[in-house]
Amino acid sequence: MERFNALVNRYQQMFKADKVLSLVHRLKHTVIKFGLKKINISYSKISLADIAQKLSLESVEETEQMVAKAIRDGVIDATINHDEQFI
């Protein structure tokens, strides 16, 4: 996601001028949700660190927040084991 953030920062003024900056930010979340869906289908159990690596997220904490939101929103059917750091 570092590359994504760098590109958004680089072209932010152009996105604002075209009035698509919020669309670009939503695109990031949509891609992450789609990736979580694919991972959820492929694995019955996977660590948050592995998910972070597969989705190029910055930290396990950020990954846990994204997974929790995806579960709350009904995007994936899973539970998080906070102690052992897996879903």
C-alpha atoms as a PDB file:
ATOM      1  CA  MET A   1       0.000   0.000   0.000  1.00  0.00           C
ATOM      2  CA  GLU A   2       3.006   2.268   0.266  1.00  0.00           C
ATOM      3  CA  ARG A   3       3.145   2.507  -3.528  1.00  0.00           C
ATOM      4  CA  PHE A   4      -0.559   3.292  -3.628  1.00  0.00           C
ATOM      5  CA  ASN A   5      -0.188   6.049  -1.041  1.00  0.00           C
ATOM      6  CA  ALA A   6       2.812   7.477  -2.895  1.00  0.00           C
ATOM      7  CA  LEU A   7       0.832   7.588  -6.155  1.00  0.00           C
ATOM      8  CA  VAL A   8      -2.167   9.205  -4.478  1.00  0.00           C
ATOM      9  CA  ASN A   9       0.074  11.836  -2.897  1.00  0.00           C
ATOM     10  CA  ARG A  10       1.853  12.440  -6.197  1.00  0.00           C
ATOM     11  CA  TYR A  11      -1.354  12.972  -8.175  1.00  0.00           C
ATOM     12  CA  GLN A  12      -3.545  14.325  -5.385  1.00  0.00           C
ATOM     13  CA  GLN A  13      -3.987  17.759  -6.961  1.00  0.00           C
ATOM     14  CA  MET A  14      -5.046  16.202 -10.260  1.00  0.00           C
ATOM     15  CA  PHE A  15      -7.516  13.890  -8.474  1.00  0.00           C
ATOM     16  CA  LYS A  16      -8.944  16.885  -6.601  1.00  0.00           C
ATOM     17  CA  ALA A  17      -9.250  18.896  -9.820  1.00  0.00           C
ATOM     18  CA  ASP A  18     -11.076  15.996 -11.479  1.00  0.00           C
ATOM     19  CA  LYS A  19     -13.189  15.533  -8.325  1.00  0.00           C
ATOM     20  CA  VAL A  20     -12.273  11.846  -8.009  1.00  0.00           C
ATOM     21  CA  LEU A  21     -10.051  11.859  -4.907  1.00  0.00           C
ATOM     22  CA  SER A  22     -12.693  10.202  -2.705  1.00  0.00           C
ATOM     23  CA  LEU A  23     -13.256   7.600  -5.426  1.00  0.00           C
ATOM     24  CA  VAL A  24      -9.532   6.805  -5.439  1.00  0.00           C
ATOM     25  CA  HIS A  25      -9.545   6.359  -1.650  1.00  0.00           C
ATOM     26  CA  ARG A  26     -12.591   4.070  -1.835  1.00  0.00           C
ATOM     27  CA  LEU A  27     -10.865   2.057  -4.544  1.00  0.00           C
ATOM     28  CA  LYS A  28      -8.126   1.110  -2.080  1.00  0.00           C
ATOM     29  CA  HIS A  29     -10.670  -0.224   0.403  1.00  0.00           C
ATOM     30  CA  THR A  30     -12.576  -2.063  -2.316  1.00  0.00           C
ATOM     31  CA  VAL A  31      -9.405  -3.822  -3.472  1.00  0.00           C
ATOM     32  CA  ILE A  32      -8.573  -4.815   0.109  1.00  0.00           C
ATOM     33  CA  LYS A  33     -12.098  -6.179   0.670  1.00  0.00           C
ATOM     34  CA  PHE A  34     -11.897  -8.191  -2.550  1.00  0.00           C
ATOM     35  CA  GLY A  35      -8.525  -9.579  -1.458  1.00  0.00           C
ATOM     36  CA  LEU A  36      -9.951 -10.514   1.938  1.00  0.00           C
ATOM     37  CA  LYS A  37     -12.822 -12.339   0.222  1.00  0.00           C
ATOM     38  CA  LYS A  38     -10.400 -14.375  -1.883  1.00  0.00           C
ATOM     39  CA  ILE A  39      -8.249 -15.172   1.149  1.00  0.00           C
ATOM     40  CA  ASN A  40     -11.310 -16.135   3.204  1.00  0.00           C
ATOM     41  CA  ILE A  41     -12.425 -18.554   0.483  1.00  0.00           C
ATOM     42  CA  SER A  42      -8.942 -20.055   0.074  1.00  0.00           C
ATOM     43  CA  TYR A  43      -7.995 -20.545   3.731  1.00  0.00           C
ATOM     44  CA  SER A  44      -9.895 -21.984   6.652  1.00  0.00           C
ATOM     45  CA  LYS A  45      -7.323 -20.483   9.040  1.00  0.00           C
ATOM     46  CA  ILE A  46      -4.661 -17.859   8.320  1.00  0.00           C
ATOM     47  CA  SER A  47      -2.566 -15.555  10.469  1.00  0.00           C
ATOM     48  CA  LEU A  48      -3.074 -11.813  10.406  1.00  0.00           C
ATOM     49  CA  ALA A  49       0.613 -11.411   9.549  1.00  0.00           C
ATOM     50  CA  ASP A  50       0.156 -13.567   6.441  1.00  0.00           C
ATOM     51  CA  ILE A  51      -2.884 -11.532   5.406  1.00  0.00           C
ATOM     52  CA  ALA A  52      -0.891  -8.318   5.893  1.00  0.00           C
ATOM     53  CA  GLN A  53       1.865  -9.692   3.694  1.00  0.00           C
ATOM     54  CA  LYS A  54      -0.507 -10.908   0.966  1.00  0.00           C
ATOM     55  CA  LEU A  55      -2.393  -7.593   0.841  1.00  0.00           C
ATOM     56  CA  SER A  56       0.733  -5.431   1.327  1.00  0.00           C
ATOM     57  CA  LEU A  57      -0.696  -3.797   4.427  1.00  0.00           C
ATOM     58  CA  GLU A  58       1.594  -1.904   6.745  1.00  0.00           C
ATOM     59  CA  SER A  59       1.012  -3.687  10.064  1.00  0.00           C
ATOM     60  CA  VAL A  60      -0.793  -6.535  11.775  1.00  0.00           C
ATOM     61  CA  GLU A  61      -2.817  -3.969  13.734  1.00  0.00           C
ATOM     62  CA  GLU A  62      -4.023  -2.317  10.511  1.00  0.00           C
ATOM     63  CA  THR A  63      -4.832  -5.752   9.108  1.00  0.00           C
ATOM     64  CA  GLU A  64      -6.821  -6.684  12.205  1.00  0.00           C
ATOM     65  CA  GLN A  65      -8.847  -3.478  11.885  1.00  0.00           C
ATOM     66  CA  MET A  66      -9.540  -4.115   8.183  1.00  0.00           C
ATOM     67  CA  VAL A  67     -10.569  -7.724   8.856  1.00  0.00           C
ATOM     68  CA  ALA A  68     -12.812  -6.679  11.749  1.00  0.00           C
ATOM     69  CA  LYS A  69     -14.525  -4.090   9.548  1.00  0.00           C
ATOM     70  CA  ALA A  70     -14.976  -6.641   6.742  1.00  0.00           C
ATOM     71  CA  ILE A  71     -16.565  -9.063   9.227  1.00  0.00           C
ATOM     72  CA  ARG A  72     -18.855  -6.333  10.615  1.00  0.00           C
ATOM     73  CA  ASP A  73     -19.879  -5.269   7.097  1.00  0.00           C
ATOM     74  CA  GLY A  74     -20.646  -8.867   6.123  1.00  0.00           C
ATOM     75  CA  VAL A  75     -17.943  -8.977   3.468  1.00  0.00           C
ATOM     76  CA  ILE A  76     -16.448 -12.140   4.964  1.00  0.00           C
ATOM     77  CA  ASP A  77     -17.712 -14.774   7.363  1.00  0.00           C
ATOM     78  CA  ALA A  78     -14.938 -15.234   9.895  1.00  0.00           C
ATOM     79  CA  THR A  79     -13.890 -14.724  13.488  1.00  0.00           C
ATOM     80  CA  ILE A  80     -10.672 -13.221  14.782  1.00  0.00           C
ATOM     81  CA  ASN A  81      -8.655 -15.027  17.442  1.00  0.00           C
ATOM     82  CA  HIS A  82      -6.960 -12.045  19.062  1.00  0.00           C
ATOM     83  CA  ASP A  83      -4.709 -14.106  21.323  1.00  0.00           C
ATOM     84  CA  GLU A  84      -3.194 -16.208  18.551  1.00  0.00           C
ATOM     85  CA  GLN A  85      -3.518 -13.514  15.832  1.00  0.00           C
ATOM     86  CA  PHE A  86      -5.367 -15.493  13.154  1.00  0.00           C
ATOM     87  CA  ILE A  87      -8.788 -15.615  11.519  1.00  0.00           C
END
